[in-house]
Amino acid sequence: MPADYLDRILDWPTYLADRLSEEEEARQGYFTETGFPMGAEAWLSGLETKSGRRLRPCPCFLRSVLFRVGEW
């Protein structure tokens, strides 16, 4: 983890104790359940370039998951 990111959060105990919004919880749950990486587009693109593999879900996968949970 880059040091500049660690400096952004001054009070880690409070940051970790705060509850996530329902939307944030659902988003993290999706990535936890599917195993896809969660992050900024530029970061994901860099990972895909370095690994030589597609790490993000294809659109057909997203459609099937969203349909299953009733969000499509």
PDB file of N, CA and C in Angstrom:
ATOM      1  N   MET A   1       0.861  -1.179   0.000  1.00  0.00           N
ATOM      2  CA  MET A   1       0.000   0.000   0.000  1.00  0.00           C
ATOM      3  C   MET A   1       0.903   1.237   0.000  1.00  0.00           C
ATOM      4  N   PRO A   2       0.708   2.123  -0.929  1.00  0.00           N
ATOM      5  CA  PRO A   2       1.553   3.318  -0.969  1.00  0.00           C
ATOM      6  C   PRO A   2       1.420   4.153   0.301  1.00  0.00           C
ATOM      7  N   ALA A   3       2.528   4.743   0.692  1.00  0.00           N
ATOM      8  CA  ALA A   3       2.543   5.551   1.917  1.00  0.00           C
ATOM      9  C   ALA A   3       1.580   6.727   1.833  1.00  0.00           C
ATOM     10  N   ASP A   4       1.422   7.317   0.635  1.00  0.00           N
ATOM     11  CA  ASP A   4       0.518   8.465   0.524  1.00  0.00           C
ATOM     12  C   ASP A   4      -0.925   8.068   0.822  1.00  0.00           C
ATOM     13  N   TYR A   5      -1.302   6.837   0.533  1.00  0.00           N
ATOM     14  CA  TYR A   5      -2.650   6.380   0.857  1.00  0.00           C
ATOM     15  C   TYR A   5      -2.811   6.240   2.368  1.00  0.00           C
ATOM     16  N   LEU A   6      -1.797   5.734   3.021  1.00  0.00           N
ATOM     17  CA  LEU A   6      -1.856   5.578   4.477  1.00  0.00           C
ATOM     18  C   LEU A   6      -2.000   6.930   5.171  1.00  0.00           C
ATOM     19  N   ASP A   7      -1.423   7.969   4.587  1.00  0.00           N
ATOM     20  CA  ASP A   7      -1.492   9.309   5.167  1.00  0.00           C
ATOM     21  C   ASP A   7      -2.870   9.952   5.013  1.00  0.00           C
ATOM     22  N   ARG A   8      -3.688   9.451   4.110  1.00  0.00           N
ATOM     23  CA  ARG A   8      -5.017  10.040   3.885  1.00  0.00           C
ATOM     24  C   ARG A   8      -5.953   9.816   5.064  1.00  0.00           C
ATOM     25  N   ILE A   9      -5.749   8.755   5.796  1.00  0.00           N
ATOM     26  CA  ILE A   9      -6.623   8.419   6.920  1.00  0.00           C
ATOM     27  C   ILE A   9      -5.841   8.664   8.202  1.00  0.00           C
ATOM     28  N   LEU A  10      -6.295   9.653   8.958  1.00  0.00           N
ATOM     29  CA  LEU A  10      -5.564  10.051  10.155  1.00  0.00           C
ATOM     30  C   LEU A  10      -5.924   9.215  11.377  1.00  0.00           C
ATOM     31  N   ASP A  11      -7.169   8.751  11.451  1.00  0.00           N
ATOM     32  CA  ASP A  11      -7.638   7.999  12.615  1.00  0.00           C
ATOM     33  C   ASP A  11      -8.169   6.642  12.159  1.00  0.00           C
ATOM     34  N   TRP A  12      -7.276   5.661  12.053  1.00  0.00           N
ATOM     35  CA  TRP A  12      -7.658   4.348  11.539  1.00  0.00           C
ATOM     36  C   TRP A  12      -8.726   3.647  12.377  1.00  0.00           C
ATOM     37  N   PRO A  13      -8.668   3.657  13.709  1.00  0.00           N
ATOM     38  CA  PRO A  13      -9.716   2.977  14.483  1.00  0.00           C
ATOM     39  C   PRO A  13     -11.117   3.513  14.160  1.00  0.00           C
ATOM     40  N   THR A  14     -11.253   4.826  14.047  1.00  0.00           N
ATOM     41  CA  THR A  14     -12.547   5.418  13.709  1.00  0.00           C
ATOM     42  C   THR A  14     -12.943   5.051  12.285  1.00  0.00           C
ATOM     43  N   TYR A  15     -11.995   5.120  11.354  1.00  0.00           N
ATOM     44  CA  TYR A  15     -12.269   4.783   9.960  1.00  0.00           C
ATOM     45  C   TYR A  15     -12.775   3.341   9.833  1.00  0.00           C
ATOM     46  N   LEU A  16     -12.135   2.428  10.535  1.00  0.00           N
ATOM     47  CA  LEU A  16     -12.528   1.016  10.452  1.00  0.00           C
ATOM     48  C   LEU A  16     -13.826   0.725  11.199  1.00  0.00           C
ATOM     49  N   ALA A  17     -14.152   1.539  12.203  1.00  0.00           N
ATOM     50  CA  ALA A  17     -15.372   1.321  12.978  1.00  0.00           C
ATOM     51  C   ALA A  17     -16.614   1.881  12.277  1.00  0.00           C
ATOM     52  N   ASP A  18     -16.421   2.856  11.379  1.00  0.00           N
ATOM     53  CA  ASP A  18     -17.565   3.448  10.666  1.00  0.00           C
ATOM     54  C   ASP A  18     -18.249   2.408   9.797  1.00  0.00           C
ATOM     55  N   ARG A  19     -19.579   2.473   9.766  1.00  0.00           N
ATOM     56  CA  ARG A  19     -20.345   1.549   8.932  1.00  0.00           C
ATOM     57  C   ARG A  19     -20.367   2.037   7.498  1.00  0.00           C
ATOM     58  N   LEU A  20     -20.427   1.073   6.589  1.00  0.00           N
ATOM     59  CA  LEU A  20     -20.549   1.400   5.172  1.00  0.00           C
ATOM     60  C   LEU A  20     -22.008   1.641   4.837  1.00  0.00           C
ATOM     61  N   SER A  21     -22.233   2.398   3.781  1.00  0.00           N
ATOM     62  CA  SER A  21     -23.609   2.564   3.315  1.00  0.00           C
ATOM     63  C   SER A  21     -24.066   1.231   2.710  1.00  0.00           C
ATOM     64  N   GLU A  22     -25.368   1.068   2.535  1.00  0.00           N
ATOM     65  CA  GLU A  22     -25.889  -0.166   1.944  1.00  0.00           C
ATOM     66  C   GLU A  22     -25.320  -0.378   0.552  1.00  0.00           C
ATOM     67  N   GLU A  23     -25.177   0.711  -0.202  1.00  0.00           N
ATOM     68  CA  GLU A  23     -24.629   0.620  -1.559  1.00  0.00           C
ATOM     69  C   GLU A  23     -23.178   0.137  -1.538  1.00  0.00           C
ATOM     70  N   GLU A  24     -22.371   0.681  -0.614  1.00  0.00           N
ATOM     71  CA  GLU A  24     -20.974   0.270  -0.500  1.00  0.00           C
ATOM     72  C   GLU A  24     -20.863  -1.184  -0.051  1.00  0.00           C
ATOM     73  N   GLU A  25     -21.725  -1.585   0.885  1.00  0.00           N
ATOM     74  CA  GLU A  25     -21.730  -2.981   1.345  1.00  0.00           C
ATOM     75  C   GLU A  25     -22.060  -3.931   0.199  1.00  0.00           C
ATOM     76  N   ALA A  26     -23.063  -3.572  -0.596  1.00  0.00           N
ATOM     77  CA  ALA A  26     -23.455  -4.410  -1.733  1.00  0.00           C
ATOM     78  C   ALA A  26     -22.330  -4.498  -2.750  1.00  0.00           C
ATOM     79  N   ARG A  27     -21.671  -3.384  -3.003  1.00  0.00           N
ATOM     80  CA  ARG A  27     -20.566  -3.373  -3.979  1.00  0.00           C
ATOM     81  C   ARG A  27     -19.416  -4.242  -3.495  1.00  0.00           C
ATOM     82  N   GLN A  28     -19.040  -4.110  -2.241  1.00  0.00           N
ATOM     83  CA  GLN A  28     -17.959  -4.937  -1.707  1.00  0.00           C
ATOM     84  C   GLN A  28     -18.359  -6.410  -1.682  1.00  0.00           C
ATOM     85  N   GLY A  29     -19.624  -6.672  -1.357  1.00  0.00           N
ATOM     86  CA  GLY A  29     -20.110  -8.047  -1.357  1.00  0.00           C
ATOM     87  C   GLY A  29     -20.018  -8.677  -2.734  1.00  0.00           C
ATOM     88  N   TYR A  30     -20.349  -7.910  -3.776  1.00  0.00           N
ATOM     89  CA  TYR A  30     -20.269  -8.412  -5.144  1.00  0.00           C
ATOM     90  C   TYR A  30     -18.848  -8.841  -5.470  1.00  0.00           C
ATOM     91  N   PHE A  31     -17.882  -7.972  -5.179  1.00  0.00           N
ATOM     92  CA  PHE A  31     -16.495  -8.289  -5.511  1.00  0.00           C
ATOM     93  C   PHE A  31     -15.959  -9.423  -4.639  1.00  0.00           C
ATOM     94  N   THR A  32     -16.402  -9.501  -3.392  1.00  0.00           N
ATOM     95  CA  THR A  32     -15.981 -10.589  -2.523  1.00  0.00           C
ATOM     96  C   THR A  32     -16.529 -11.923  -3.019  1.00  0.00           C
ATOM     97  N   GLU A  33     -17.792 -11.948  -3.405  1.00  0.00           N
ATOM     98  CA  GLU A  33     -18.423 -13.189  -3.874  1.00  0.00           C
ATOM     99  C   GLU A  33     -17.883 -13.656  -5.216  1.00  0.00           C
ATOM    100  N   THR A  34     -17.609 -12.726  -6.126  1.00  0.00           N
ATOM    101  CA  THR A  34     -17.175 -13.110  -7.469  1.00  0.00           C
ATOM    102  C   THR A  34     -15.672 -13.303  -7.579  1.00  0.00           C
ATOM    103  N   GLY A  35     -14.922 -12.671  -6.691  1.00  0.00           N
ATOM    104  CA  GLY A  35     -13.467 -12.783  -6.748  1.00  0.00           C
ATOM    105  C   GLY A  35     -12.812 -11.816  -7.716  1.00  0.00           C
ATOM    106  N   PHE A  36     -13.594 -10.943  -8.345  1.00  0.00           N
ATOM    107  CA  PHE A  36     -13.020  -9.943  -9.241  1.00  0.00           C
ATOM    108  C   PHE A  36     -12.382  -8.837  -8.414  1.00  0.00           C
ATOM    109  N   PRO A  37     -11.288  -8.233  -8.917  1.00  0.00           N
ATOM    110  CA  PRO A  37     -10.651  -7.149  -8.169  1.00  0.00           C
ATOM    111  C   PRO A  37     -11.521  -5.900  -8.150  1.00  0.00           C
ATOM    112  N   MET A  38     -11.439  -5.163  -7.067  1.00  0.00           N
ATOM    113  CA  MET A  38     -12.195  -3.925  -6.905  1.00  0.00           C
ATOM    114  C   MET A  38     -11.199  -2.781  -6.848  1.00  0.00           C
ATOM    115  N   GLY A  39     -11.380  -1.795  -7.718  1.00  0.00           N
ATOM    116  CA  GLY A  39     -10.467  -0.663  -7.709  1.00  0.00           C
ATOM    117  C   GLY A  39     -10.748   0.288  -8.846  1.00  0.00           C
ATOM    118  N   ALA A  40      -9.953   1.325  -8.924  1.00  0.00           N
ATOM    119  CA  ALA A  40     -10.092   2.329  -9.970  1.00  0.00           C
ATOM    120  C   ALA A  40      -9.759   1.715 -11.326  1.00  0.00           C
ATOM    121  N   GLU A  41     -10.364   2.273 -12.377  1.00  0.00           N
ATOM    122  CA  GLU A  41     -10.158   1.767 -13.729  1.00  0.00           C
ATOM    123  C   GLU A  41      -8.674   1.746 -14.110  1.00  0.00           C
ATOM    124  N   ALA A  42      -7.955   2.820 -13.798  1.00  0.00           N
ATOM    125  CA  ALA A  42      -6.538   2.890 -14.153  1.00  0.00           C
ATOM    126  C   ALA A  42      -5.736   1.796 -13.445  1.00  0.00           C
ATOM    127  N   TRP A  43      -6.059   1.542 -12.195  1.00  0.00           N
ATOM    128  CA  TRP A  43      -5.365   0.508 -11.433  1.00  0.00           C
ATOM    129  C   TRP A  43      -5.654  -0.869 -12.012  1.00  0.00           C
ATOM    130  N   LEU A  44      -6.934  -1.121 -12.339  1.00  0.00           N
ATOM    131  CA  LEU A  44      -7.308  -2.405 -12.926  1.00  0.00           C
ATOM    132  C   LEU A  44      -6.653  -2.599 -14.291  1.00  0.00           C
ATOM    133  N   SER A  45      -6.601  -1.542 -15.085  1.00  0.00           N
ATOM    134  CA  SER A  45      -5.953  -1.631 -16.396  1.00  0.00           C
ATOM    135  C   SER A  45      -4.474  -1.979 -16.241  1.00  0.00           C
ATOM    136  N   GLY A  46      -3.824  -1.371 -15.261  1.00  0.00           N
ATOM    137  CA  GLY A  46      -2.422  -1.679 -14.991  1.00  0.00           C
ATOM    138  C   GLY A  46      -2.223  -3.135 -14.584  1.00  0.00           C
ATOM    139  N   LEU A  47      -3.118  -3.642 -13.737  1.00  0.00           N
ATOM    140  CA  LEU A  47      -3.033  -5.053 -13.333  1.00  0.00           C
ATOM    141  C   LEU A  47      -3.214  -5.978 -14.531  1.00  0.00           C
ATOM    142  N   GLU A  48      -4.185  -5.644 -15.378  1.00  0.00           N
ATOM    143  CA  GLU A  48      -4.433  -6.478 -16.558  1.00  0.00           C
ATOM    144  C   GLU A  48      -3.238  -6.451 -17.510  1.00  0.00           C
ATOM    145  N   THR A  49      -2.627  -5.285 -17.669  1.00  0.00           N
ATOM    146  CA  THR A  49      -1.451  -5.182 -18.536  1.00  0.00           C
ATOM    147  C   THR A  49      -0.291  -5.996 -17.976  1.00  0.00           C
ATOM    148  N   LYS A  50      -0.047  -5.860 -16.686  1.00  0.00           N
ATOM    149  CA  LYS A  50       1.072  -6.585 -16.062  1.00  0.00           C
ATOM    150  C   LYS A  50       0.859  -8.095 -16.071  1.00  0.00           C
ATOM    151  N   SER A  51      -0.380  -8.536 -15.851  1.00  0.00           N
ATOM    152  CA  SER A  51      -0.651  -9.964 -15.782  1.00  0.00           C
ATOM    153  C   SER A  51      -0.885 -10.590 -17.158  1.00  0.00           C
ATOM    154  N   GLY A  52      -1.227  -9.743 -18.138  1.00  0.00           N
ATOM    155  CA  GLY A  52      -1.532 -10.265 -19.463  1.00  0.00           C
ATOM    156  C   GLY A  52      -2.860 -10.996 -19.507  1.00  0.00           C
ATOM    157  N   ARG A  53      -3.733 -10.721 -18.542  1.00  0.00           N
ATOM    158  CA  ARG A  53      -5.032 -11.399 -18.440  1.00  0.00           C
ATOM    159  C   ARG A  53      -6.127 -10.380 -18.200  1.00  0.00           C
ATOM    160  N   ARG A  54      -7.333 -10.758 -18.601  1.00  0.00           N
ATOM    161  CA  ARG A  54      -8.503  -9.934 -18.284  1.00  0.00           C
ATOM    162  C   ARG A  54      -8.910 -10.269 -16.848  1.00  0.00           C
ATOM    163  N   LEU A  55      -8.999  -9.259 -16.015  1.00  0.00           N
ATOM    164  CA  LEU A  55      -9.349  -9.471 -14.612  1.00  0.00           C
ATOM    165  C   LEU A  55     -10.749  -8.988 -14.276  1.00  0.00           C
ATOM    166  N   ARG A  56     -11.316  -8.149 -15.136  1.00  0.00           N
ATOM    167  CA  ARG A  56     -12.672  -7.645 -14.908  1.00  0.00           C
ATOM    168  C   ARG A  56     -13.674  -8.576 -15.563  1.00  0.00           C
ATOM    169  N   PRO A  57     -14.885  -8.628 -15.037  1.00  0.00           N
ATOM    170  CA  PRO A  57     -15.896  -9.496 -15.648  1.00  0.00           C
ATOM    171  C   PRO A  57     -16.310  -8.979 -17.023  1.00  0.00           C
ATOM    172  N   CYS A  58     -16.648  -9.906 -17.909  1.00  0.00           N
ATOM    173  CA  CYS A  58     -17.167  -9.489 -19.205  1.00  0.00           C
ATOM    174  C   CYS A  58     -18.602  -8.998 -19.012  1.00  0.00           C
ATOM    175  N   PRO A  59     -19.114  -8.161 -19.903  1.00  0.00           N
ATOM    176  CA  PRO A  59     -20.470  -7.622 -19.748  1.00  0.00           C
ATOM    177  C   PRO A  59     -21.551  -8.694 -19.618  1.00  0.00           C
ATOM    178  N   CYS A  60     -21.369  -9.849 -20.271  1.00  0.00           N
ATOM    179  CA  CYS A  60     -22.384 -10.903 -20.171  1.00  0.00           C
ATOM    180  C   CYS A  60     -22.474 -11.442 -18.747  1.00  0.00           C
ATOM    181  N   PHE A  61     -21.344 -11.504 -18.033  1.00  0.00           N
ATOM    182  CA  PHE A  61     -21.348 -11.963 -16.647  1.00  0.00           C
ATOM    183  C   PHE A  61     -22.081 -10.964 -15.758  1.00  0.00           C
ATOM    184  N   LEU A  62     -21.791  -9.691 -15.949  1.00  0.00           N
ATOM    185  CA  LEU A  62     -22.454  -8.660 -15.152  1.00  0.00           C
ATOM    186  C   LEU A  62     -23.963  -8.706 -15.335  1.00  0.00           C
ATOM    187  N   ARG A  63     -24.405  -8.870 -16.581  1.00  0.00           N
ATOM    188  CA  ARG A  63     -25.837  -8.918 -16.867  1.00  0.00           C
ATOM    189  C   ARG A  63     -26.497 -10.086 -16.128  1.00  0.00           C
ATOM    190  N   SER A  64     -25.851 -11.248 -16.143  1.00  0.00           N
ATOM    191  CA  SER A  64     -26.440 -12.425 -15.488  1.00  0.00           C
ATOM    192  C   SER A  64     -26.502 -12.243 -13.966  1.00  0.00           C
ATOM    193  N   VAL A  65     -25.479 -11.635 -13.375  1.00  0.00           N
ATOM    194  CA  VAL A  65     -25.479 -11.409 -11.922  1.00  0.00           C
ATOM    195  C   VAL A  65     -26.540 -10.381 -11.544  1.00  0.00           C
ATOM    196  N   LEU A  66     -26.608  -9.280 -12.281  1.00  0.00           N
ATOM    197  CA  LEU A  66     -27.591  -8.251 -11.970  1.00  0.00           C
ATOM    198  C   LEU A  66     -29.014  -8.763 -12.174  1.00  0.00           C
ATOM    199  N   PHE A  67     -29.225  -9.585 -13.180  1.00  0.00           N
ATOM    200  CA  PHE A  67     -30.543 -10.156 -13.413  1.00  0.00           C
ATOM    201  C   PHE A  67     -30.928 -11.063 -12.253  1.00  0.00           C
ATOM    202  N   ARG A  68     -29.964 -11.838 -11.767  1.00  0.00           N
ATOM    203  CA  ARG A  68     -30.216 -12.772 -10.671  1.00  0.00           C
ATOM    204  C   ARG A  68     -30.635 -12.048  -9.404  1.00  0.00           C
ATOM    205  N   VAL A  69     -30.047 -10.884  -9.122  1.00  0.00           N
ATOM    206  CA  VAL A  69     -30.367 -10.152  -7.899  1.00  0.00           C
ATOM    207  C   VAL A  69     -31.469  -9.116  -8.133  1.00  0.00           C
ATOM    208  N   GLY A  70     -32.030  -9.088  -9.344  1.00  0.00           N
ATOM    209  CA  GLY A  70     -33.172  -8.222  -9.618  1.00  0.00           C
ATOM    210  C   GLY A  70     -32.832  -6.773  -9.854  1.00  0.00           C
ATOM    211  N   GLU A  71     -31.595  -6.480 -10.241  1.00  0.00           N
ATOM    212  CA  GLU A  71     -31.199  -5.102 -10.472  1.00  0.00           C
ATOM    213  C   GLU A  71     -31.090  -4.762 -11.943  1.00  0.00           C
ATOM    214  N   TRP A  72     -31.312  -5.706 -12.840  1.00  0.00           N
ATOM    215  CA  TRP A  72     -31.134  -5.460 -14.260  1.00  0.00           C
ATOM    216  C   TRP A  72     -32.383  -4.935 -14.895  1.00  0.00           C
TER     217      TRP A  72
END
